């Protein structure tokens, strides 16, 4: 996952957006977002 995408997800969460909205903004799946929150996804350069 790209660093920029991770930054966008973090920003969305800080603003209190729900997961469905974050999914729409980032085009990530619910699973990808949850895995990212749990630190299971790695950043790809």
PDB file of N, CA and C in Angstrom:
ATOM      1  N   UNK A   1       0.857  -1.180   0.000  1.00  0.00           N
ATOM      2  CA  UNK A   1       0.000   0.000   0.000  1.00  0.00           C
ATOM      3  C   UNK A   1       0.897   1.235   0.000  1.00  0.00           C
ATOM      4  N   UNK A   2       0.498   2.212  -0.750  1.00  0.00           N
ATOM      5  CA  UNK A   2       1.303   3.422  -0.854  1.00  0.00           C
ATOM      6  C   UNK A   2       1.174   4.286   0.401  1.00  0.00           C
ATOM      7  N   UNK A   3       2.260   4.956   0.732  1.00  0.00           N
ATOM      8  CA  UNK A   3       2.285   5.835   1.904  1.00  0.00           C
ATOM      9  C   UNK A   3       1.171   6.877   1.844  1.00  0.00           C
ATOM     10  N   UNK A   4       0.940   7.424   0.675  1.00  0.00           N
ATOM     11  CA  UNK A   4      -0.081   8.474   0.521  1.00  0.00           C
ATOM     12  C   UNK A   4      -1.467   7.944   0.888  1.00  0.00           C
ATOM     13  N   UNK A   5      -1.760   6.722   0.478  1.00  0.00           N
ATOM     14  CA  UNK A   5      -3.059   6.125   0.794  1.00  0.00           C
ATOM     15  C   UNK A   5      -3.214   5.956   2.294  1.00  0.00           C
ATOM     16  N   UNK A   6      -2.159   5.518   2.944  1.00  0.00           N
ATOM     17  CA  UNK A   6      -2.198   5.351   4.397  1.00  0.00           C
ATOM     18  C   UNK A   6      -2.431   6.695   5.074  1.00  0.00           C
ATOM     19  N   UNK A   7      -1.777   7.725   4.588  1.00  0.00           N
ATOM     20  CA  UNK A   7      -1.970   9.067   5.152  1.00  0.00           C
ATOM     21  C   UNK A   7      -3.408   9.530   4.977  1.00  0.00           C
ATOM     22  N   UNK A   8      -4.001   9.230   3.837  1.00  0.00           N
ATOM     23  CA  UNK A   8      -5.395   9.618   3.586  1.00  0.00           C
ATOM     24  C   UNK A   8      -6.322   8.900   4.558  1.00  0.00           C
ATOM     25  N   UNK A   9      -6.105   7.596   4.742  1.00  0.00           N
ATOM     26  CA  UNK A   9      -6.950   6.833   5.673  1.00  0.00           C
ATOM     27  C   UNK A   9      -6.823   7.399   7.083  1.00  0.00           C
ATOM     28  N   UNK A  10      -5.612   7.666   7.517  1.00  0.00           N
ATOM     29  CA  UNK A  10      -5.404   8.222   8.862  1.00  0.00           C
ATOM     30  C   UNK A  10      -6.100   9.570   9.014  1.00  0.00           C
ATOM     31  N   UNK A  11      -5.983  10.408   8.007  1.00  0.00           N
ATOM     32  CA  UNK A  11      -6.620  11.719   8.043  1.00  0.00           C
ATOM     33  C   UNK A  11      -8.137  11.583   8.131  1.00  0.00           C
ATOM     34  N   UNK A  12      -8.683  10.687   7.336  1.00  0.00           N
ATOM     35  CA  UNK A  12     -10.136  10.463   7.356  1.00  0.00           C
ATOM     36  C   UNK A  12     -10.590  10.014   8.740  1.00  0.00           C
ATOM     37  N   UNK A  13      -9.840   9.086   9.341  1.00  0.00           N
ATOM     38  CA  UNK A  13     -10.202   8.587  10.664  1.00  0.00           C
ATOM     39  C   UNK A  13     -10.108   9.695  11.703  1.00  0.00           C
ATOM     40  N   UNK A  14      -9.083  10.543  11.601  1.00  0.00           N
ATOM     41  CA  UNK A  14      -8.924  11.648  12.545  1.00  0.00           C
ATOM     42  C   UNK A  14     -10.093  12.620  12.448  1.00  0.00           C
ATOM     43  N   UNK A  15     -10.661  12.733  11.250  1.00  0.00           N
ATOM     44  CA  UNK A  15     -11.798  13.622  11.044  1.00  0.00           C
ATOM     45  C   UNK A  15     -13.119  12.968  11.440  1.00  0.00           C
ATOM     46  N   UNK A  16     -13.055  11.701  11.837  1.00  0.00           N
ATOM     47  CA  UNK A  16     -14.246  11.015  12.316  1.00  0.00           C
ATOM     48  C   UNK A  16     -15.110  10.401  11.229  1.00  0.00           C
ATOM     49  N   UNK A  17     -14.551  10.227  10.026  1.00  0.00           N
ATOM     50  CA  UNK A  17     -15.336   9.638   8.945  1.00  0.00           C
ATOM     51  C   UNK A  17     -15.535   8.149   9.194  1.00  0.00           C
ATOM     52  N   UNK A  18     -16.688   7.633   8.776  1.00  0.00           N
ATOM     53  CA  UNK A  18     -16.957   6.211   8.962  1.00  0.00           C
ATOM     54  C   UNK A  18     -16.250   5.388   7.888  1.00  0.00           C
ATOM     55  N   UNK A  19     -16.199   4.084   8.123  1.00  0.00           N
ATOM     56  CA  UNK A  19     -15.423   3.217   7.236  1.00  0.00           C
ATOM     57  C   UNK A  19     -15.974   3.195   5.815  1.00  0.00           C
ATOM     58  N   UNK A  20     -17.298   3.295   5.656  1.00  0.00           N
ATOM     59  CA  UNK A  20     -17.882   3.307   4.313  1.00  0.00           C
ATOM     60  C   UNK A  20     -17.413   4.525   3.517  1.00  0.00           C
ATOM     61  N   UNK A  21     -17.330   5.660   4.180  1.00  0.00           N
ATOM     62  CA  UNK A  21     -16.854   6.875   3.517  1.00  0.00           C
ATOM     63  C   UNK A  21     -15.380   6.743   3.156  1.00  0.00           C
ATOM     64  N   UNK A  22     -14.598   6.194   4.078  1.00  0.00           N
ATOM     65  CA  UNK A  22     -13.174   5.987   3.807  1.00  0.00           C
ATOM     66  C   UNK A  22     -13.003   5.026   2.631  1.00  0.00           C
ATOM     67  N   UNK A  23     -13.822   3.993   2.575  1.00  0.00           N
ATOM     68  CA  UNK A  23     -13.769   3.047   1.457  1.00  0.00           C
ATOM     69  C   UNK A  23     -14.040   3.764   0.141  1.00  0.00           C
ATOM     70  N   UNK A  24     -15.017   4.653   0.129  1.00  0.00           N
ATOM     71  CA  UNK A  24     -15.362   5.380  -1.096  1.00  0.00           C
ATOM     72  C   UNK A  24     -14.241   6.327  -1.522  1.00  0.00           C
ATOM     73  N   UNK A  25     -13.625   6.981  -0.565  1.00  0.00           N
ATOM     74  CA  UNK A  25     -12.559   7.938  -0.871  1.00  0.00           C
ATOM     75  C   UNK A  25     -11.303   7.230  -1.376  1.00  0.00           C
ATOM     76  N   UNK A  26     -10.935   6.137  -0.727  1.00  0.00           N
ATOM     77  CA  UNK A  26      -9.656   5.486  -1.026  1.00  0.00           C
ATOM     78  C   UNK A  26      -9.765   4.332  -2.011  1.00  0.00           C
ATOM     79  N   UNK A  27     -10.988   3.860  -2.264  1.00  0.00           N
ATOM     80  CA  UNK A  27     -11.209   2.682  -3.109  1.00  0.00           C
ATOM     81  C   UNK A  27     -10.579   1.428  -2.507  1.00  0.00           C
ATOM     82  N   UNK A  28     -10.421   1.418  -1.187  1.00  0.00           N
ATOM     83  CA  UNK A  28      -9.936   0.232  -0.490  1.00  0.00           C
ATOM     84  C   UNK A  28     -11.122  -0.570   0.009  1.00  0.00           C
ATOM     85  N   UNK A  29     -10.910  -1.847   0.237  1.00  0.00           N
ATOM     86  CA  UNK A  29     -11.957  -2.686   0.812  1.00  0.00           C
ATOM     87  C   UNK A  29     -11.982  -2.491   2.327  1.00  0.00           C
ATOM     88  N   UNK A  30     -13.079  -2.892   2.926  1.00  0.00           N
ATOM     89  CA  UNK A  30     -13.202  -2.834   4.387  1.00  0.00           C
ATOM     90  C   UNK A  30     -12.062  -3.639   5.022  1.00  0.00           C
ATOM     91  N   UNK A  31     -11.802  -4.814   4.455  1.00  0.00           N
ATOM     92  CA  UNK A  31     -10.743  -5.674   4.987  1.00  0.00           C
ATOM     93  C   UNK A  31      -9.383  -4.980   4.937  1.00  0.00           C
ATOM     94  N   UNK A  32      -9.085  -4.311   3.821  1.00  0.00           N
ATOM     95  CA  UNK A  32      -7.796  -3.620   3.695  1.00  0.00           C
ATOM     96  C   UNK A  32      -7.661  -2.519   4.740  1.00  0.00           C
ATOM     97  N   UNK A  33      -8.730  -1.779   4.960  1.00  0.00           N
ATOM     98  CA  UNK A  33      -8.694  -0.692   5.945  1.00  0.00           C
ATOM     99  C   UNK A  33      -8.510  -1.261   7.346  1.00  0.00           C
ATOM    100  N   UNK A  34      -9.235  -2.316   7.668  1.00  0.00           N
ATOM    101  CA  UNK A  34      -9.110  -2.926   8.990  1.00  0.00           C
ATOM    102  C   UNK A  34      -7.719  -3.527   9.186  1.00  0.00           C
ATOM    103  N   UNK A  35      -7.185  -4.153   8.150  1.00  0.00           N
ATOM    104  CA  UNK A  35      -5.831  -4.706   8.244  1.00  0.00           C
ATOM    105  C   UNK A  35      -4.816  -3.588   8.431  1.00  0.00           C
ATOM    106  N   UNK A  36      -5.018  -2.466   7.761  1.00  0.00           N
ATOM    107  CA  UNK A  36      -4.117  -1.334   7.912  1.00  0.00           C
ATOM    108  C   UNK A  36      -4.163  -0.816   9.350  1.00  0.00           C
ATOM    109  N   UNK A  37      -5.368  -0.723   9.902  1.00  0.00           N
ATOM    110  CA  UNK A  37      -5.521  -0.246  11.275  1.00  0.00           C
ATOM    111  C   UNK A  37      -4.813  -1.170  12.260  1.00  0.00           C
ATOM    112  N   UNK A  38      -4.795  -2.457  11.941  1.00  0.00           N
ATOM    113  CA  UNK A  38      -4.147  -3.435  12.810  1.00  0.00           C
ATOM    114  C   UNK A  38      -2.654  -3.563  12.537  1.00  0.00           C
ATOM    115  N   UNK A  39      -2.149  -2.769  11.594  1.00  0.00           N
ATOM    116  CA  UNK A  39      -0.736  -2.788  11.277  1.00  0.00           C
ATOM    117  C   UNK A  39      -0.299  -3.975  10.450  1.00  0.00           C
ATOM    118  N   UNK A  40      -1.253  -4.621   9.777  1.00  0.00           N
ATOM    119  CA  UNK A  40      -0.927  -5.821   9.010  1.00  0.00           C
ATOM    120  C   UNK A  40      -0.547  -5.531   7.565  1.00  0.00           C
ATOM    121  N   UNK A  41      -0.865  -4.348   7.056  1.00  0.00           N
ATOM    122  CA  UNK A  41      -0.507  -4.018   5.677  1.00  0.00           C
ATOM    123  C   UNK A  41       0.817  -3.282   5.659  1.00  0.00           C
ATOM    124  N   UNK A  42       1.601  -3.553   4.667  1.00  0.00           N
ATOM    125  CA  UNK A  42       2.907  -2.918   4.526  1.00  0.00           C
ATOM    126  C   UNK A  42       2.856  -1.834   3.457  1.00  0.00           C
ATOM    127  N   UNK A  43       3.728  -0.867   3.615  1.00  0.00           N
ATOM    128  CA  UNK A  43       3.831   0.230   2.653  1.00  0.00           C
ATOM    129  C   UNK A  43       4.698  -0.230   1.490  1.00  0.00           C
ATOM    130  N   UNK A  44       4.201  -0.001   0.286  1.00  0.00           N
ATOM    131  CA  UNK A  44       4.973  -0.313  -0.915  1.00  0.00           C
ATOM    132  C   UNK A  44       5.486   0.988  -1.508  1.00  0.00           C
ATOM    133  N   UNK A  45       6.743   1.014  -1.845  1.00  0.00           N
ATOM    134  CA  UNK A  45       7.328   2.216  -2.447  1.00  0.00           C
ATOM    135  C   UNK A  45       7.361   2.101  -3.939  1.00  0.00           C
TER     136      UNK A  45
END
